[in-house]
Amino acid sequence: MEEQLHQDKTFEKISYPNKAIKGREFEDCVFKNCDFSNADFSYNRFADCTFVCCNLTMLKLLGSTLNNVTFKECKLTGINFSECEEFLFTVGFDNCLMDYTSFLRRKMPKTSFTDCSLKNAVFEQAVLTKAKFDNADLAGAVFEHAQLSEADFSTAYNYTIDPEINSIKRAKFSQDGLAGLLTRYDIRVV
């Protein structure tokens, strides 16, 4: 991975824990079964890339661009996505472990979180208009001053969202999830 520009490549079973890879561009690349845990990927550019079955725990992405990047069956625990470049930030997550991730002030309308664990994730001041949390575990996730208009939480669970400090107009929730909207009122739904 010493080259500056990588196009249409597949990186498989690469093990780079605790290492730094900076100033690289990856376009239409696939990463399979790689271990980049605790690595520093700051100031890289990823466009139209897919990560499959990778360990990205505590990966640093300061100043990196994630443009149309998909994560499938990856471990993304503790990543601070709010440090990524805001311009062109578009991501999708499928069957990922994303506990303790941060999306603070991140604009990510229409983002899909499918079958993901997002325990204790931070969505403060995030723009998640029309986002889809499909079968997502949101236990302990923090939603404060978030834009959740038309977001779909109908199959999400374990969330606590305060309607008084978040914009939830036309968002979808299941009947089973209504208790997560009423927590601040200390009432019981039976």
C-alpha atoms as a PDB file:
ATOM      1  CA  MET A   1       0.000   0.000   0.000  1.00  0.00           C
ATOM      2  CA  GLU A   2       2.971   2.333  -0.521  1.00  0.00           C
ATOM      3  CA  GLU A   3       1.496   3.879  -3.686  1.00  0.00           C
ATOM      4  CA  GLN A   4      -0.366   7.170  -3.331  1.00  0.00           C
ATOM      5  CA  LEU A   5      -3.356   6.243  -5.534  1.00  0.00           C
ATOM      6  CA  HIS A   6      -5.114   2.868  -5.476  1.00  0.00           C
ATOM      7  CA  GLN A   7      -7.911   2.160  -7.975  1.00  0.00           C
ATOM      8  CA  ASP A   8     -10.033  -0.947  -8.455  1.00  0.00           C
ATOM      9  CA  LYS A   9      -7.958  -3.022  -6.053  1.00  0.00           C
ATOM     10  CA  THR A  10      -8.887  -5.687  -3.550  1.00  0.00           C
ATOM     11  CA  PHE A  11      -6.937  -5.795  -0.308  1.00  0.00           C
ATOM     12  CA  GLU A  12      -7.433  -9.111   1.441  1.00  0.00           C
ATOM     13  CA  LYS A  13      -6.205 -10.307   4.830  1.00  0.00           C
ATOM     14  CA  ILE A  14      -3.989  -7.246   5.335  1.00  0.00           C
ATOM     15  CA  SER A  15      -2.903  -6.908   8.965  1.00  0.00           C
ATOM     16  CA  TYR A  16      -1.827  -3.370   9.931  1.00  0.00           C
ATOM     17  CA  PRO A  17      -2.834  -2.925  13.565  1.00  0.00           C
ATOM     18  CA  ASN A  18      -1.363   0.145  15.297  1.00  0.00           C
ATOM     19  CA  LYS A  19       0.217   1.440  12.059  1.00  0.00           C
ATOM     20  CA  ALA A  20      -0.210   4.693  10.147  1.00  0.00           C
ATOM     21  CA  ILE A  21      -1.317   4.942   6.527  1.00  0.00           C
ATOM     22  CA  LYS A  22      -1.725   8.595   5.567  1.00  0.00           C
ATOM     23  CA  GLY A  23      -2.117  10.691   2.454  1.00  0.00           C
ATOM     24  CA  ARG A  24      -3.394   7.879   0.233  1.00  0.00           C
ATOM     25  CA  GLU A  25      -6.350   7.751  -2.158  1.00  0.00           C
ATOM     26  CA  PHE A  26      -8.511   4.660  -2.587  1.00  0.00           C
ATOM     27  CA  GLU A  27     -11.106   4.564  -5.376  1.00  0.00           C
ATOM     28  CA  ASP A  28     -13.391   1.593  -6.058  1.00  0.00           C
ATOM     29  CA  CYS A  29     -11.371  -0.579  -3.680  1.00  0.00           C
ATOM     30  CA  VAL A  30     -12.514  -3.523  -1.577  1.00  0.00           C
ATOM     31  CA  PHE A  31     -11.001  -4.422   1.784  1.00  0.00           C
ATOM     32  CA  LYS A  32     -11.735  -7.997   2.940  1.00  0.00           C
ATOM     33  CA  ASN A  33     -10.843  -9.614   6.251  1.00  0.00           C
ATOM     34  CA  CYS A  34      -8.319  -6.896   7.112  1.00  0.00           C
ATOM     35  CA  ASP A  35      -7.158  -5.849  10.571  1.00  0.00           C
ATOM     36  CA  PHE A  36      -6.635  -2.095  10.884  1.00  0.00           C
ATOM     37  CA  SER A  37      -7.419  -1.907  14.607  1.00  0.00           C
ATOM     38  CA  ASN A  38      -5.892   1.117  16.344  1.00  0.00           C
ATOM     39  CA  ALA A  39      -4.385   2.225  13.016  1.00  0.00           C
ATOM     40  CA  ASP A  40      -4.154   5.841  11.901  1.00  0.00           C
ATOM     41  CA  PHE A  41      -5.825   6.441   8.519  1.00  0.00           C
ATOM     42  CA  SER A  42      -5.854  10.236   8.878  1.00  0.00           C
ATOM     43  CA  TYR A  43      -5.934  12.398   5.738  1.00  0.00           C
ATOM     44  CA  ASN A  44      -6.795   9.580   3.352  1.00  0.00           C
ATOM     45  CA  ARG A  45      -9.509   9.673   0.701  1.00  0.00           C
ATOM     46  CA  PHE A  46     -11.866   6.734   0.201  1.00  0.00           C
ATOM     47  CA  ALA A  47     -14.338   6.910  -2.700  1.00  0.00           C
ATOM     48  CA  ASP A  48     -16.739   4.120  -3.663  1.00  0.00           C
ATOM     49  CA  CYS A  49     -14.980   1.636  -1.370  1.00  0.00           C
ATOM     50  CA  THR A  50     -16.296  -1.370   0.541  1.00  0.00           C
ATOM     51  CA  PHE A  51     -14.970  -2.869   3.763  1.00  0.00           C
ATOM     52  CA  VAL A  52     -16.063  -6.465   4.409  1.00  0.00           C
ATOM     53  CA  CYS A  53     -15.377  -8.430   7.623  1.00  0.00           C
ATOM     54  CA  CYS A  54     -12.682  -5.992   8.749  1.00  0.00           C
ATOM     55  CA  ASN A  55     -11.541  -5.084  12.254  1.00  0.00           C
ATOM     56  CA  LEU A  56     -11.407  -1.280  12.347  1.00  0.00           C
ATOM     57  CA  THR A  57     -11.672  -0.878  16.111  1.00  0.00           C
ATOM     58  CA  MET A  58     -10.439   2.545  17.278  1.00  0.00           C
ATOM     59  CA  LEU A  59      -9.361   3.472  13.736  1.00  0.00           C
ATOM     60  CA  LYS A  60      -8.371   7.155  13.471  1.00  0.00           C
ATOM     61  CA  LEU A  61      -9.866   9.015  10.512  1.00  0.00           C
ATOM     62  CA  LEU A  62      -8.903  12.630  11.191  1.00  0.00           C
ATOM     63  CA  GLY A  63      -9.376  14.674   8.022  1.00  0.00           C
ATOM     64  CA  SER A  64     -10.194  11.616   5.910  1.00  0.00           C
ATOM     65  CA  THR A  65     -12.836  11.653   3.193  1.00  0.00           C
ATOM     66  CA  LEU A  66     -15.417   8.864   3.171  1.00  0.00           C
ATOM     67  CA  ASN A  67     -17.415   9.255  -0.044  1.00  0.00           C
ATOM     68  CA  ASN A  68     -19.867   6.434  -0.735  1.00  0.00           C
ATOM     69  CA  VAL A  69     -18.116   3.969   1.591  1.00  0.00           C
ATOM     70  CA  THR A  70     -19.919   0.809   2.706  1.00  0.00           C
ATOM     71  CA  PHE A  71     -19.062  -1.272   5.753  1.00  0.00           C
ATOM     72  CA  LYS A  72     -20.351  -4.868   5.913  1.00  0.00           C
ATOM     73  CA  GLU A  73     -19.867  -7.180   8.888  1.00  0.00           C
ATOM     74  CA  CYS A  74     -17.122  -4.943  10.281  1.00  0.00           C
ATOM     75  CA  LYS A  75     -16.037  -4.133  13.802  1.00  0.00           C
ATOM     76  CA  LEU A  76     -16.045  -0.326  14.074  1.00  0.00           C
ATOM     77  CA  THR A  77     -16.006   0.091  17.843  1.00  0.00           C
ATOM     78  CA  GLY A  78     -14.845   3.451  19.158  1.00  0.00           C
ATOM     79  CA  ILE A  79     -14.385   5.245  15.826  1.00  0.00           C
ATOM     80  CA  ASN A  80     -14.879   9.017  15.864  1.00  0.00           C
ATOM     81  CA  PHE A  81     -16.533   9.637  12.485  1.00  0.00           C
ATOM     82  CA  SER A  82     -16.997  13.292  13.415  1.00  0.00           C
ATOM     83  CA  GLU A  83     -13.289  13.823  12.683  1.00  0.00           C
ATOM     84  CA  CYS A  84     -13.764  12.906   9.015  1.00  0.00           C
ATOM     85  CA  GLU A  85     -14.062  15.549   6.326  1.00  0.00           C
ATOM     86  CA  GLU A  86     -17.641  16.734   6.179  1.00  0.00           C
ATOM     87  CA  PHE A  87     -17.663  17.320   2.419  1.00  0.00           C
ATOM     88  CA  LEU A  88     -19.037  14.297   0.499  1.00  0.00           C
ATOM     89  CA  PHE A  89     -19.406  12.238   3.708  1.00  0.00           C
ATOM     90  CA  THR A  90     -21.646   9.338   2.649  1.00  0.00           C
ATOM     91  CA  VAL A  91     -21.507   5.964   4.363  1.00  0.00           C
ATOM     92  CA  GLY A  92     -23.621   2.858   4.880  1.00  0.00           C
ATOM     93  CA  PHE A  93     -23.437   0.123   7.491  1.00  0.00           C
ATOM     94  CA  ASP A  94     -24.660  -3.470   7.293  1.00  0.00           C
ATOM     95  CA  ASN A  95     -24.355  -5.944  10.174  1.00  0.00           C
ATOM     96  CA  CYS A  96     -21.603  -3.976  11.934  1.00  0.00           C
ATOM     97  CA  LEU A  97     -20.507  -3.699  15.555  1.00  0.00           C
ATOM     98  CA  MET A  98     -20.407   0.073  16.099  1.00  0.00           C
ATOM     99  CA  ASP A  99     -20.545   0.508  19.860  1.00  0.00           C
ATOM    100  CA  TYR A 100     -19.045   3.741  21.216  1.00  0.00           C
ATOM    101  CA  THR A 101     -18.800   5.394  17.788  1.00  0.00           C
ATOM    102  CA  SER A 102     -19.294   9.146  17.441  1.00  0.00           C
ATOM    103  CA  PHE A 103     -21.231  10.986  14.751  1.00  0.00           C
ATOM    104  CA  LEU A 104     -21.171  14.331  16.568  1.00  0.00           C
ATOM    105  CA  ARG A 105     -22.476  17.112  14.273  1.00  0.00           C
ATOM    106  CA  ARG A 106     -22.197  14.767  11.274  1.00  0.00           C
ATOM    107  CA  LYS A 107     -24.499  15.446   8.303  1.00  0.00           C
ATOM    108  CA  MET A 108     -25.616  12.054   7.041  1.00  0.00           C
ATOM    109  CA  PRO A 109     -29.121  12.123   5.584  1.00  0.00           C
ATOM    110  CA  LYS A 110     -30.465   8.831   4.215  1.00  0.00           C
ATOM    111  CA  THR A 111     -27.719   6.811   5.921  1.00  0.00           C
ATOM    112  CA  SER A 112     -28.597   3.167   6.451  1.00  0.00           C
ATOM    113  CA  PHE A 113     -27.718   1.271   9.636  1.00  0.00           C
ATOM    114  CA  THR A 114     -28.899  -2.305   9.023  1.00  0.00           C
ATOM    115  CA  ASP A 115     -28.544  -5.002  11.709  1.00  0.00           C
ATOM    116  CA  CYS A 116     -25.978  -2.899  13.589  1.00  0.00           C
ATOM    117  CA  SER A 117     -25.088  -2.626  17.242  1.00  0.00           C
ATOM    118  CA  LEU A 118     -24.812   1.087  18.064  1.00  0.00           C
ATOM    119  CA  LYS A 119     -24.645   0.857  21.841  1.00  0.00           C
ATOM    120  CA  ASN A 120     -23.514   4.122  23.443  1.00  0.00           C
ATOM    121  CA  ALA A 121     -23.031   5.752  20.029  1.00  0.00           C
ATOM    122  CA  VAL A 122     -23.158   9.549  19.930  1.00  0.00           C
ATOM    123  CA  PHE A 123     -25.542  11.284  17.508  1.00  0.00           C
ATOM    124  CA  GLU A 124     -25.520  14.733  19.122  1.00  0.00           C
ATOM    125  CA  GLN A 125     -26.399  17.490  16.632  1.00  0.00           C
ATOM    126  CA  ALA A 126     -26.264  14.952  13.785  1.00  0.00           C
ATOM    127  CA  VAL A 127     -28.408  15.390  10.680  1.00  0.00           C
ATOM    128  CA  LEU A 128     -30.061  12.013  10.109  1.00  0.00           C
ATOM    129  CA  THR A 129     -33.026  13.066   7.988  1.00  0.00           C
ATOM    130  CA  LYS A 130     -34.527   9.994   6.285  1.00  0.00           C
ATOM    131  CA  ALA A 131     -31.891   7.729   7.879  1.00  0.00           C
ATOM    132  CA  LYS A 132     -32.875   4.104   8.397  1.00  0.00           C
ATOM    133  CA  PHE A 133     -32.090   2.237  11.611  1.00  0.00           C
ATOM    134  CA  ASP A 134     -33.175  -1.242  10.506  1.00  0.00           C
ATOM    135  CA  ASN A 135     -32.967  -3.747  13.376  1.00  0.00           C
ATOM    136  CA  ALA A 136     -30.390  -1.525  15.093  1.00  0.00           C
ATOM    137  CA  ASP A 137     -29.583  -1.849  18.811  1.00  0.00           C
ATOM    138  CA  LEU A 138     -29.386   1.712  20.156  1.00  0.00           C
ATOM    139  CA  ALA A 139     -28.983   0.958  23.875  1.00  0.00           C
ATOM    140  CA  GLY A 140     -27.382   3.976  25.529  1.00  0.00           C
ATOM    141  CA  ALA A 141     -27.063   5.874  22.225  1.00  0.00           C
ATOM    142  CA  VAL A 142     -27.172   9.638  22.695  1.00  0.00           C
ATOM    143  CA  PHE A 143     -29.545  11.682  20.528  1.00  0.00           C
ATOM    144  CA  GLU A 144     -29.409  15.363  21.474  1.00  0.00           C
ATOM    145  CA  HIS A 145     -30.424  18.220  19.168  1.00  0.00           C
ATOM    146  CA  ALA A 146     -30.393  15.731  16.282  1.00  0.00           C
ATOM    147  CA  GLN A 147     -32.364  16.167  13.058  1.00  0.00           C
ATOM    148  CA  LEU A 148     -34.340  12.913  12.817  1.00  0.00           C
ATOM    149  CA  SER A 149     -37.142  14.058  10.500  1.00  0.00           C
ATOM    150  CA  GLU A 150     -38.516  11.139   8.474  1.00  0.00           C
ATOM    151  CA  ALA A 151     -35.923   8.770   9.978  1.00  0.00           C
ATOM    152  CA  ASP A 152     -37.088   5.169  10.276  1.00  0.00           C
ATOM    153  CA  PHE A 153     -36.779   3.614  13.740  1.00  0.00           C
ATOM    154  CA  SER A 154     -39.649   1.163  13.181  1.00  0.00           C
ATOM    155  CA  THR A 155     -37.464  -1.926  13.718  1.00  0.00           C
ATOM    156  CA  ALA A 156     -34.786  -0.311  15.932  1.00  0.00           C
ATOM    157  CA  TYR A 157     -34.773  -1.109  19.637  1.00  0.00           C
ATOM    158  CA  ASN A 158     -33.419  -0.034  23.040  1.00  0.00           C
ATOM    159  CA  TYR A 159     -33.358   3.640  22.056  1.00  0.00           C
ATOM    160  CA  THR A 160     -34.129   6.660  24.192  1.00  0.00           C
ATOM    161  CA  ILE A 161     -34.964   9.766  22.169  1.00  0.00           C
ATOM    162  CA  ASP A 162     -36.296  12.931  23.753  1.00  0.00           C
ATOM    163  CA  PRO A 163     -38.856  14.507  21.358  1.00  0.00           C
ATOM    164  CA  GLU A 164     -38.463  17.872  23.080  1.00  0.00           C
ATOM    165  CA  ILE A 165     -34.791  18.303  22.166  1.00  0.00           C
ATOM    166  CA  ASN A 166     -34.693  16.399  18.850  1.00  0.00           C
ATOM    167  CA  SER A 167     -36.505  17.069  15.583  1.00  0.00           C
ATOM    168  CA  ILE A 168     -38.569  13.923  14.941  1.00  0.00           C
ATOM    169  CA  LYS A 169     -41.258  15.195  12.568  1.00  0.00           C
ATOM    170  CA  ARG A 170     -42.617  12.331  10.437  1.00  0.00           C
ATOM    171  CA  ALA A 171     -40.068   9.872  11.879  1.00  0.00           C
ATOM    172  CA  LYS A 172     -41.285   6.258  12.120  1.00  0.00           C
ATOM    173  CA  PHE A 173     -41.384   4.329  15.374  1.00  0.00           C
ATOM    174  CA  SER A 174     -42.967   0.991  16.280  1.00  0.00           C
ATOM    175  CA  GLN A 175     -45.519   0.691  19.069  1.00  0.00           C
ATOM    176  CA  ASP A 176     -42.976  -1.356  21.017  1.00  0.00           C
ATOM    177  CA  GLY A 177     -40.505   1.512  20.781  1.00  0.00           C
ATOM    178  CA  LEU A 178     -42.805   4.252  22.058  1.00  0.00           C
ATOM    179  CA  ALA A 179     -41.489   3.838  25.599  1.00  0.00           C
ATOM    180  CA  GLY A 180     -38.113   5.065  24.324  1.00  0.00           C
ATOM    181  CA  LEU A 181     -39.753   8.376  23.402  1.00  0.00           C
ATOM    182  CA  LEU A 182     -41.365   8.828  26.808  1.00  0.00           C
ATOM    183  CA  THR A 183     -38.429   8.144  29.142  1.00  0.00           C
ATOM    184  CA  ARG A 184     -38.057  11.764  30.265  1.00  0.00           C
ATOM    185  CA  TYR A 185     -41.655  11.750  31.553  1.00  0.00           C
ATOM    186  CA  ASP A 186     -41.076   8.827  33.924  1.00  0.00           C
ATOM    187  CA  ILE A 187     -44.279   7.121  32.883  1.00  0.00           C
ATOM    188  CA  ARG A 188     -44.962   3.460  32.238  1.00  0.00           C
ATOM    189  CA  VAL A 189     -46.408   2.125  29.031  1.00  0.00           C
ATOM    190  CA  VAL A 190     -48.182  -1.213  29.543  1.00  0.00           C
END
